[in-house]
């Protein structure tokens, strides 16, 4: 079902077994990933420190990634922000309130933070992400439209 939501090119790229094998089997994969970290992390941190609103929501083609599973891209992006030097709290805000602010172009959007009168879509984690940002994938419960999902 998730693949149906992708752009046609993204679906094609994910379905192409030879591309997946080539990507995951590339002898320089680790070096390319390290180079991206070396190039991008200082830029992300510098922009954040300069007051630029940094948010999750990659434009790098994550939908067609052969190494990032569906739904995991945002969790990984939050982790990468912390690796780049943001605090866990700042990285979480980049994925919630600040992302909502950018999408809606208002400072007090109807979602993105917990407060009476806002959209009641949220998740509860089984661990503290300010202590270890990698625990954002340890989702205990999900609320959608004010109701807990069984």
N, C-alpha and C. Protein backbone atom coordinates (compact mmCIF):
# COMPACT_ATOMS: atom_id res chain seq x y z
N UNK A 1 0.83 -1.19 0.00
CA UNK A 1 0.00 0.00 0.00
C UNK A 1 0.87 1.25 0.00
N UNK A 2 1.96 1.27 0.77
CA UNK A 2 2.81 2.45 0.79
C UNK A 2 3.43 2.72 -0.57
N UNK A 3 3.79 1.68 -1.28
CA UNK A 3 4.40 1.89 -2.59
C UNK A 3 3.45 2.59 -3.55
N UNK A 4 2.14 2.39 -3.37
CA UNK A 4 1.16 3.05 -4.23
C UNK A 4 1.19 4.56 -4.06
N UNK A 5 1.68 5.03 -2.92
CA UNK A 5 1.73 6.47 -2.65
C UNK A 5 2.97 7.13 -3.25
N UNK A 6 3.91 6.34 -3.71
CA UNK A 6 5.14 6.89 -4.26
C UNK A 6 4.93 7.41 -5.67
N UNK A 7 5.82 8.29 -6.08
CA UNK A 7 5.85 8.71 -7.47
C UNK A 7 6.21 7.50 -8.32
N UNK A 8 5.76 7.44 -9.57
CA UNK A 8 6.07 6.28 -10.41
C UNK A 8 7.56 5.97 -10.48
N UNK A 9 8.40 6.99 -10.58
CA UNK A 9 9.84 6.73 -10.65
C UNK A 9 10.35 6.10 -9.37
N UNK A 10 9.84 6.53 -8.23
CA UNK A 10 10.22 5.94 -6.96
C UNK A 10 9.83 4.48 -6.88
N UNK A 11 8.62 4.14 -7.34
CA UNK A 11 8.18 2.74 -7.36
C UNK A 11 9.10 1.90 -8.23
N UNK A 12 9.43 2.43 -9.40
CA UNK A 12 10.31 1.70 -10.32
C UNK A 12 11.67 1.46 -9.70
N UNK A 13 12.21 2.48 -9.06
CA UNK A 13 13.54 2.35 -8.46
C UNK A 13 13.55 1.33 -7.33
N UNK A 14 12.49 1.30 -6.52
CA UNK A 14 12.43 0.34 -5.43
C UNK A 14 12.27 -1.09 -5.92
N UNK A 15 11.57 -1.24 -7.03
CA UNK A 15 11.30 -2.57 -7.57
C UNK A 15 12.49 -3.14 -8.35
N UNK A 16 13.44 -2.33 -8.68
CA UNK A 16 14.57 -2.76 -9.51
C UNK A 16 15.62 -3.47 -8.66
N UNK A 17 15.62 -4.81 -8.73
CA UNK A 17 16.52 -5.62 -7.91
C UNK A 17 17.99 -5.35 -8.21
N UNK A 18 18.31 -5.12 -9.47
CA UNK A 18 19.72 -4.89 -9.81
C UNK A 18 20.21 -3.57 -9.23
N UNK A 19 19.35 -2.56 -9.18
CA UNK A 19 19.74 -1.27 -8.59
C UNK A 19 19.98 -1.43 -7.09
N UNK A 20 19.09 -2.18 -6.44
CA UNK A 20 19.26 -2.41 -5.00
C UNK A 20 20.57 -3.15 -4.73
N UNK A 21 20.83 -4.18 -5.48
CA UNK A 21 22.06 -4.96 -5.29
C UNK A 21 23.28 -4.09 -5.56
N UNK A 22 23.20 -3.26 -6.59
CA UNK A 22 24.32 -2.38 -6.93
C UNK A 22 24.56 -1.35 -5.83
N UNK A 23 23.48 -0.77 -5.32
CA UNK A 23 23.60 0.25 -4.27
C UNK A 23 24.17 -0.34 -2.99
N UNK A 24 23.58 -1.44 -2.53
CA UNK A 24 24.01 -2.03 -1.26
C UNK A 24 25.35 -2.74 -1.37
N UNK A 25 25.69 -3.16 -2.57
CA UNK A 25 26.94 -3.88 -2.76
C UNK A 25 28.10 -3.03 -3.24
N UNK A 26 27.86 -1.73 -3.38
CA UNK A 26 28.92 -0.85 -3.87
C UNK A 26 30.11 -0.88 -2.92
N UNK A 27 31.31 -1.10 -3.44
CA UNK A 27 32.48 -1.17 -2.56
C UNK A 27 32.79 0.13 -1.85
N UNK A 28 32.31 1.25 -2.39
CA UNK A 28 32.60 2.55 -1.77
C UNK A 28 31.41 3.11 -0.99
N UNK A 29 30.42 2.27 -0.68
CA UNK A 29 29.22 2.76 0.01
C UNK A 29 29.58 3.43 1.34
N UNK A 30 30.39 2.81 2.13
CA UNK A 30 30.76 3.39 3.44
C UNK A 30 31.50 4.71 3.26
N UNK A 31 32.38 4.78 2.27
CA UNK A 31 33.12 6.02 2.03
C UNK A 31 32.18 7.13 1.55
N UNK A 32 31.22 6.78 0.69
CA UNK A 32 30.27 7.81 0.22
C UNK A 32 29.42 8.32 1.36
N UNK A 33 28.98 7.44 2.24
CA UNK A 33 28.20 7.87 3.39
C UNK A 33 29.03 8.77 4.30
N UNK A 34 30.28 8.41 4.52
CA UNK A 34 31.17 9.22 5.36
C UNK A 34 31.39 10.59 4.74
N UNK A 35 31.53 10.65 3.44
CA UNK A 35 31.75 11.92 2.75
C UNK A 35 30.52 12.82 2.88
N UNK A 36 29.34 12.23 2.79
CA UNK A 36 28.11 13.01 2.96
C UNK A 36 28.07 13.60 4.37
N UNK A 37 28.40 12.76 5.37
CA UNK A 37 28.42 13.27 6.76
C UNK A 37 29.43 14.40 6.90
N UNK A 38 30.61 14.23 6.34
CA UNK A 38 31.65 15.26 6.45
C UNK A 38 31.24 16.56 5.77
N UNK A 39 30.52 16.46 4.66
CA UNK A 39 30.12 17.65 3.91
C UNK A 39 28.87 18.31 4.49
N UNK A 40 27.89 17.51 4.89
CA UNK A 40 26.59 18.05 5.27
C UNK A 40 26.43 18.38 6.74
N UNK A 41 26.99 17.59 7.63
CA UNK A 41 26.78 17.84 9.05
C UNK A 41 27.25 19.21 9.49
N UNK A 42 28.44 19.66 9.09
CA UNK A 42 28.84 21.01 9.50
C UNK A 42 27.91 22.09 8.93
N UNK A 43 27.39 21.87 7.74
CA UNK A 43 26.47 22.83 7.13
C UNK A 43 25.16 22.89 7.92
N UNK A 44 24.62 21.73 8.27
CA UNK A 44 23.38 21.69 9.05
C UNK A 44 23.57 22.43 10.38
N UNK A 45 24.65 22.14 11.06
CA UNK A 45 24.91 22.77 12.36
C UNK A 45 25.12 24.27 12.21
N UNK A 46 25.85 24.69 11.19
CA UNK A 46 26.08 26.12 10.98
C UNK A 46 24.78 26.85 10.69
N UNK A 47 23.92 26.26 9.89
CA UNK A 47 22.64 26.89 9.59
C UNK A 47 21.79 27.00 10.86
N UNK A 48 21.74 25.92 11.61
CA UNK A 48 20.98 25.93 12.86
C UNK A 48 21.51 26.99 13.82
N UNK A 49 22.82 27.02 13.99
CA UNK A 49 23.44 28.00 14.89
C UNK A 49 23.22 29.43 14.44
N UNK A 50 23.04 29.63 13.14
CA UNK A 50 22.81 30.96 12.59
C UNK A 50 21.35 31.39 12.70
N UNK A 51 20.50 30.49 13.21
CA UNK A 51 19.09 30.84 13.39
C UNK A 51 18.18 30.41 12.26
N UNK A 52 18.70 29.67 11.31
CA UNK A 52 17.87 29.15 10.22
C UNK A 52 17.03 28.01 10.78
N UNK A 53 15.76 28.01 10.47
CA UNK A 53 14.87 26.94 10.95
C UNK A 53 15.16 25.68 10.14
N UNK A 54 15.75 24.71 10.78
CA UNK A 54 16.09 23.44 10.15
C UNK A 54 14.99 22.45 10.50
N UNK A 55 14.43 21.77 9.50
CA UNK A 55 13.33 20.83 9.74
C UNK A 55 13.58 19.52 9.01
N UNK A 56 12.91 18.48 9.49
CA UNK A 56 12.97 17.21 8.79
C UNK A 56 12.06 17.26 7.58
N UNK A 57 12.24 16.30 6.72
CA UNK A 57 11.44 16.25 5.50
C UNK A 57 12.37 16.32 4.31
N UNK A 58 13.19 15.32 4.17
CA UNK A 58 14.26 15.32 3.20
C UNK A 58 13.77 15.53 1.77
N UNK A 59 14.61 16.14 0.98
CA UNK A 59 14.33 16.30 -0.45
C UNK A 59 15.36 15.52 -1.25
N UNK A 60 15.95 14.51 -0.62
CA UNK A 60 17.04 13.79 -1.28
C UNK A 60 16.60 12.49 -1.93
N UNK A 61 15.31 12.27 -2.09
CA UNK A 61 14.85 11.07 -2.76
C UNK A 61 14.75 9.87 -1.84
N UNK A 62 14.43 10.10 -0.57
CA UNK A 62 14.36 8.99 0.39
C UNK A 62 13.35 7.94 -0.03
N UNK A 63 12.33 8.36 -0.77
CA UNK A 63 11.33 7.38 -1.18
C UNK A 63 11.91 6.30 -2.07
N UNK A 64 12.98 6.60 -2.75
CA UNK A 64 13.58 5.62 -3.64
C UNK A 64 14.88 5.06 -3.08
N UNK A 65 15.11 5.29 -1.82
CA UNK A 65 16.34 4.80 -1.20
C UNK A 65 16.31 3.29 -1.10
N UNK A 66 17.43 2.68 -1.36
CA UNK A 66 17.53 1.24 -1.21
C UNK A 66 18.06 0.87 0.16
N UNK A 67 18.43 1.85 0.95
CA UNK A 67 19.01 1.57 2.26
C UNK A 67 18.17 2.08 3.42
N UNK A 68 17.12 2.85 3.16
CA UNK A 68 16.27 3.40 4.22
C UNK A 68 14.86 2.85 4.05
N UNK A 69 14.39 1.99 4.97
CA UNK A 69 13.05 1.42 4.83
C UNK A 69 11.96 2.47 4.97
N UNK A 70 10.79 2.17 4.39
CA UNK A 70 9.64 3.05 4.51
C UNK A 70 9.40 3.44 5.96
N UNK A 71 9.07 4.70 6.18
CA UNK A 71 8.72 5.16 7.51
C UNK A 71 9.90 5.44 8.41
N UNK A 72 11.05 4.97 8.02
CA UNK A 72 12.23 5.12 8.87
C UNK A 72 13.01 6.39 8.54
N UNK A 73 12.74 7.00 7.40
CA UNK A 73 13.53 8.14 6.97
C UNK A 73 13.49 9.30 7.97
N UNK A 74 12.32 9.58 8.52
CA UNK A 74 12.23 10.69 9.47
C UNK A 74 12.99 10.37 10.75
N UNK A 75 12.86 9.15 11.25
CA UNK A 75 13.60 8.76 12.45
C UNK A 75 15.10 8.88 12.20
N UNK A 76 15.54 8.43 11.04
CA UNK A 76 16.97 8.50 10.73
C UNK A 76 17.42 9.96 10.59
N UNK A 77 16.58 10.78 9.99
CA UNK A 77 16.92 12.19 9.82
C UNK A 77 17.05 12.89 11.17
N UNK A 78 16.18 12.57 12.11
CA UNK A 78 16.29 13.13 13.46
C UNK A 78 17.63 12.72 14.09
N UNK A 79 18.00 11.45 13.93
CA UNK A 79 19.27 10.98 14.46
C UNK A 79 20.44 11.72 13.80
N UNK A 80 20.34 11.95 12.51
CA UNK A 80 21.41 12.64 11.80
C UNK A 80 21.56 14.08 12.28
N UNK A 81 20.46 14.73 12.62
CA UNK A 81 20.54 16.09 13.16
C UNK A 81 21.33 16.09 14.47
N UNK A 82 21.11 15.07 15.29
CA UNK A 82 21.86 14.97 16.54
C UNK A 82 23.32 14.68 16.23
N UNK A 83 23.59 13.80 15.28
CA UNK A 83 24.97 13.52 14.88
C UNK A 83 25.65 14.78 14.36
N UNK A 84 24.87 15.68 13.76
CA UNK A 84 25.41 16.93 13.22
C UNK A 84 25.67 17.96 14.32
N UNK A 85 25.16 17.71 15.53
CA UNK A 85 25.45 18.61 16.64
C UNK A 85 24.24 19.28 17.27
N UNK A 86 23.03 19.04 16.76
CA UNK A 86 21.84 19.58 17.42
C UNK A 86 21.58 18.75 18.67
N UNK A 87 20.94 19.35 19.65
CA UNK A 87 20.54 18.59 20.83
C UNK A 87 19.38 17.67 20.43
N UNK A 88 19.16 16.60 21.18
CA UNK A 88 18.00 15.75 20.87
C UNK A 88 16.68 16.54 20.88
N UNK A 89 16.53 17.45 21.82
CA UNK A 89 15.30 18.24 21.88
C UNK A 89 15.15 19.12 20.62
N UNK A 90 16.22 19.73 20.17
CA UNK A 90 16.16 20.55 18.95
C UNK A 90 15.84 19.68 17.74
N UNK A 91 16.38 18.48 17.68
CA UNK A 91 16.11 17.58 16.57
C UNK A 91 14.65 17.14 16.58
N UNK A 92 14.10 16.86 17.76
CA UNK A 92 12.68 16.50 17.87
C UNK A 92 11.78 17.65 17.46
N UNK A 93 12.16 18.85 17.85
CA UNK A 93 11.38 20.03 17.46
C UNK A 93 11.43 20.23 15.94
N UNK A 94 12.56 19.91 15.34
CA UNK A 94 12.70 20.03 13.89
C UNK A 94 11.73 19.10 13.16
N UNK A 95 11.39 17.98 13.80
CA UNK A 95 10.48 17.00 13.20
C UNK A 95 9.02 17.23 13.56
N UNK A 96 8.76 18.12 14.51
CA UNK A 96 7.39 18.32 14.98
C UNK A 96 6.95 19.77 14.77
N UNK A 97 7.12 20.58 15.79
CA UNK A 97 6.62 21.95 15.74
C UNK A 97 7.25 22.78 14.61
N UNK A 98 8.56 22.73 14.48
CA UNK A 98 9.18 23.55 13.44
C UNK A 98 8.80 23.07 12.04
N UNK A 99 8.67 21.76 11.84
CA UNK A 99 8.21 21.26 10.54
C UNK A 99 6.79 21.73 10.27
N UNK A 100 5.93 21.70 11.28
CA UNK A 100 4.55 22.19 11.12
C UNK A 100 4.54 23.68 10.80
N UNK A 101 5.41 24.44 11.44
CA UNK A 101 5.49 25.88 11.17
C UNK A 101 5.88 26.14 9.71
N UNK A 102 6.82 25.37 9.21
CA UNK A 102 7.24 25.55 7.82
C UNK A 102 6.12 25.15 6.86
N UNK A 103 5.48 24.02 7.13
CA UNK A 103 4.41 23.54 6.24
C UNK A 103 3.21 24.49 6.21
N UNK A 104 2.85 25.04 7.37
CA UNK A 104 1.66 25.89 7.44
C UNK A 104 1.97 27.37 7.25
N UNK A 105 3.24 27.73 7.39
CA UNK A 105 3.69 29.12 7.29
C UNK A 105 3.06 30.02 8.36
N UNK A 106 2.81 29.43 9.53
CA UNK A 106 2.35 30.19 10.69
C UNK A 106 3.16 29.75 11.90
N UNK A 107 3.30 30.63 12.88
CA UNK A 107 4.09 30.32 14.06
C UNK A 107 3.35 29.43 15.06
N UNK A 108 2.03 29.43 15.04
CA UNK A 108 1.26 28.61 15.97
C UNK A 108 0.32 27.71 15.19
N UNK A 109 0.85 26.67 14.54
CA UNK A 109 0.00 25.80 13.73
C UNK A 109 -0.93 24.94 14.59
N UNK A 110 -1.91 24.33 13.95
CA UNK A 110 -2.88 23.49 14.65
C UNK A 110 -2.31 22.14 15.05
N UNK A 111 -1.11 21.86 14.66
CA UNK A 111 -0.46 20.60 15.02
C UNK A 111 1.03 20.86 15.20
N UNK A 112 1.74 19.86 15.68
CA UNK A 112 3.18 20.00 15.86
C UNK A 112 3.62 20.12 17.31
N UNK A 113 2.67 20.36 18.21
CA UNK A 113 2.96 20.42 19.64
C UNK A 113 1.72 19.98 20.39
N UNK A 114 1.89 19.69 21.66
CA UNK A 114 0.78 19.21 22.48
C UNK A 114 0.22 20.38 23.28
N UNK A 115 -1.03 20.67 23.02
CA UNK A 115 -1.72 21.74 23.73
C UNK A 115 -3.22 21.59 23.48
N UNK A 116 -4.02 21.97 24.44
CA UNK A 116 -5.48 21.90 24.29
C UNK A 116 -5.89 22.66 23.03
N UNK A 117 -6.76 22.04 22.24
CA UNK A 117 -7.28 22.66 21.04
C UNK A 117 -6.52 22.31 19.78
N UNK A 118 -5.36 21.69 19.92
CA UNK A 118 -4.58 21.29 18.74
C UNK A 118 -4.99 19.89 18.30
N UNK A 119 -4.61 19.54 17.09
CA UNK A 119 -4.88 18.20 16.57
C UNK A 119 -4.26 17.17 17.51
N UNK A 120 -5.03 16.15 17.85
CA UNK A 120 -4.55 15.16 18.81
C UNK A 120 -4.00 13.93 18.08
N UNK A 121 -2.94 14.15 17.33
CA UNK A 121 -2.19 13.07 16.70
C UNK A 121 -0.83 13.05 17.38
N UNK A 122 -0.52 11.97 18.06
CA UNK A 122 0.77 11.91 18.75
C UNK A 122 1.16 10.47 18.98
N UNK A 123 2.40 10.31 19.38
CA UNK A 123 2.85 8.97 19.75
C UNK A 123 3.61 9.04 21.06
N UNK A 124 3.54 7.96 21.79
CA UNK A 124 4.27 7.83 23.05
C UNK A 124 5.40 6.84 22.84
N UNK A 125 6.57 7.22 23.29
CA UNK A 125 7.73 6.35 23.15
C UNK A 125 7.93 5.52 24.41
N UNK A 126 8.59 4.39 24.26
CA UNK A 126 8.89 3.52 25.38
C UNK A 126 10.21 3.88 26.06
N UNK A 127 10.85 4.96 25.63
CA UNK A 127 12.12 5.38 26.20
C UNK A 127 12.26 6.89 26.01
N UNK A 128 13.29 7.45 26.61
CA UNK A 128 13.51 8.89 26.59
C UNK A 128 14.41 9.30 25.42
N UNK A 129 13.88 9.96 24.40
CA UNK A 129 14.70 10.34 23.25
C UNK A 129 15.69 11.46 23.55
N UNK A 130 15.51 12.16 24.65
CA UNK A 130 16.52 13.18 25.00
C UNK A 130 17.77 12.54 25.58
N UNK A 131 17.65 11.28 26.04
CA UNK A 131 18.81 10.54 26.54
C UNK A 131 19.47 9.74 25.41
N UNK A 132 18.66 9.24 24.47
CA UNK A 132 19.17 8.47 23.34
C UNK A 132 18.21 8.67 22.17
N UNK A 133 18.61 9.48 21.21
CA UNK A 133 17.73 9.83 20.10
C UNK A 133 17.33 8.62 19.26
N UNK A 134 18.09 7.55 19.32
CA UNK A 134 17.78 6.36 18.53
C UNK A 134 16.49 5.67 18.98
N UNK A 135 15.97 6.03 20.15
CA UNK A 135 14.76 5.36 20.65
C UNK A 135 13.47 5.90 20.03
N UNK A 136 13.56 6.85 19.12
CA UNK A 136 12.32 7.35 18.50
C UNK A 136 11.57 6.24 17.77
N UNK A 137 12.24 5.15 17.44
CA UNK A 137 11.56 4.03 16.78
C UNK A 137 10.89 3.09 17.77
N UNK A 138 11.06 3.33 19.07
CA UNK A 138 10.44 2.49 20.10
C UNK A 138 9.09 3.08 20.47
N UNK A 139 8.17 2.95 19.58
CA UNK A 139 6.85 3.57 19.73
C UNK A 139 5.95 2.65 20.55
N UNK A 140 5.45 3.19 21.66
CA UNK A 140 4.58 2.43 22.55
C UNK A 140 3.12 2.50 22.16
N UNK A 141 2.65 3.71 21.90
CA UNK A 141 1.24 3.91 21.54
C UNK A 141 1.14 5.07 20.56
N UNK A 142 0.06 5.04 19.78
CA UNK A 142 -0.21 6.09 18.80
C UNK A 142 -1.62 6.60 18.99
N UNK A 143 -1.77 7.91 18.99
CA UNK A 143 -3.09 8.54 19.04
C UNK A 143 -3.34 9.23 17.71
N UNK A 144 -4.50 9.00 17.14
CA UNK A 144 -4.90 9.64 15.88
C UNK A 144 -6.26 10.28 16.10
N UNK A 145 -6.33 11.58 15.85
CA UNK A 145 -7.59 12.33 15.99
C UNK A 145 -8.18 12.17 17.39
N UNK A 146 -7.31 12.14 18.41
CA UNK A 146 -7.77 12.09 19.78
C UNK A 146 -8.13 10.70 20.29
N UNK A 147 -7.90 9.67 19.48
CA UNK A 147 -8.22 8.31 19.89
C UNK A 147 -7.00 7.42 19.78
N UNK A 148 -6.81 6.59 20.81
CA UNK A 148 -5.69 5.66 20.78
C UNK A 148 -5.93 4.59 19.74
N UNK A 149 -4.90 4.30 18.98
CA UNK A 149 -4.97 3.24 17.97
C UNK A 149 -4.66 1.92 18.69
N UNK A 150 -5.53 0.93 18.53
CA UNK A 150 -5.28 -0.36 19.23
C UNK A 150 -4.05 -1.07 18.72
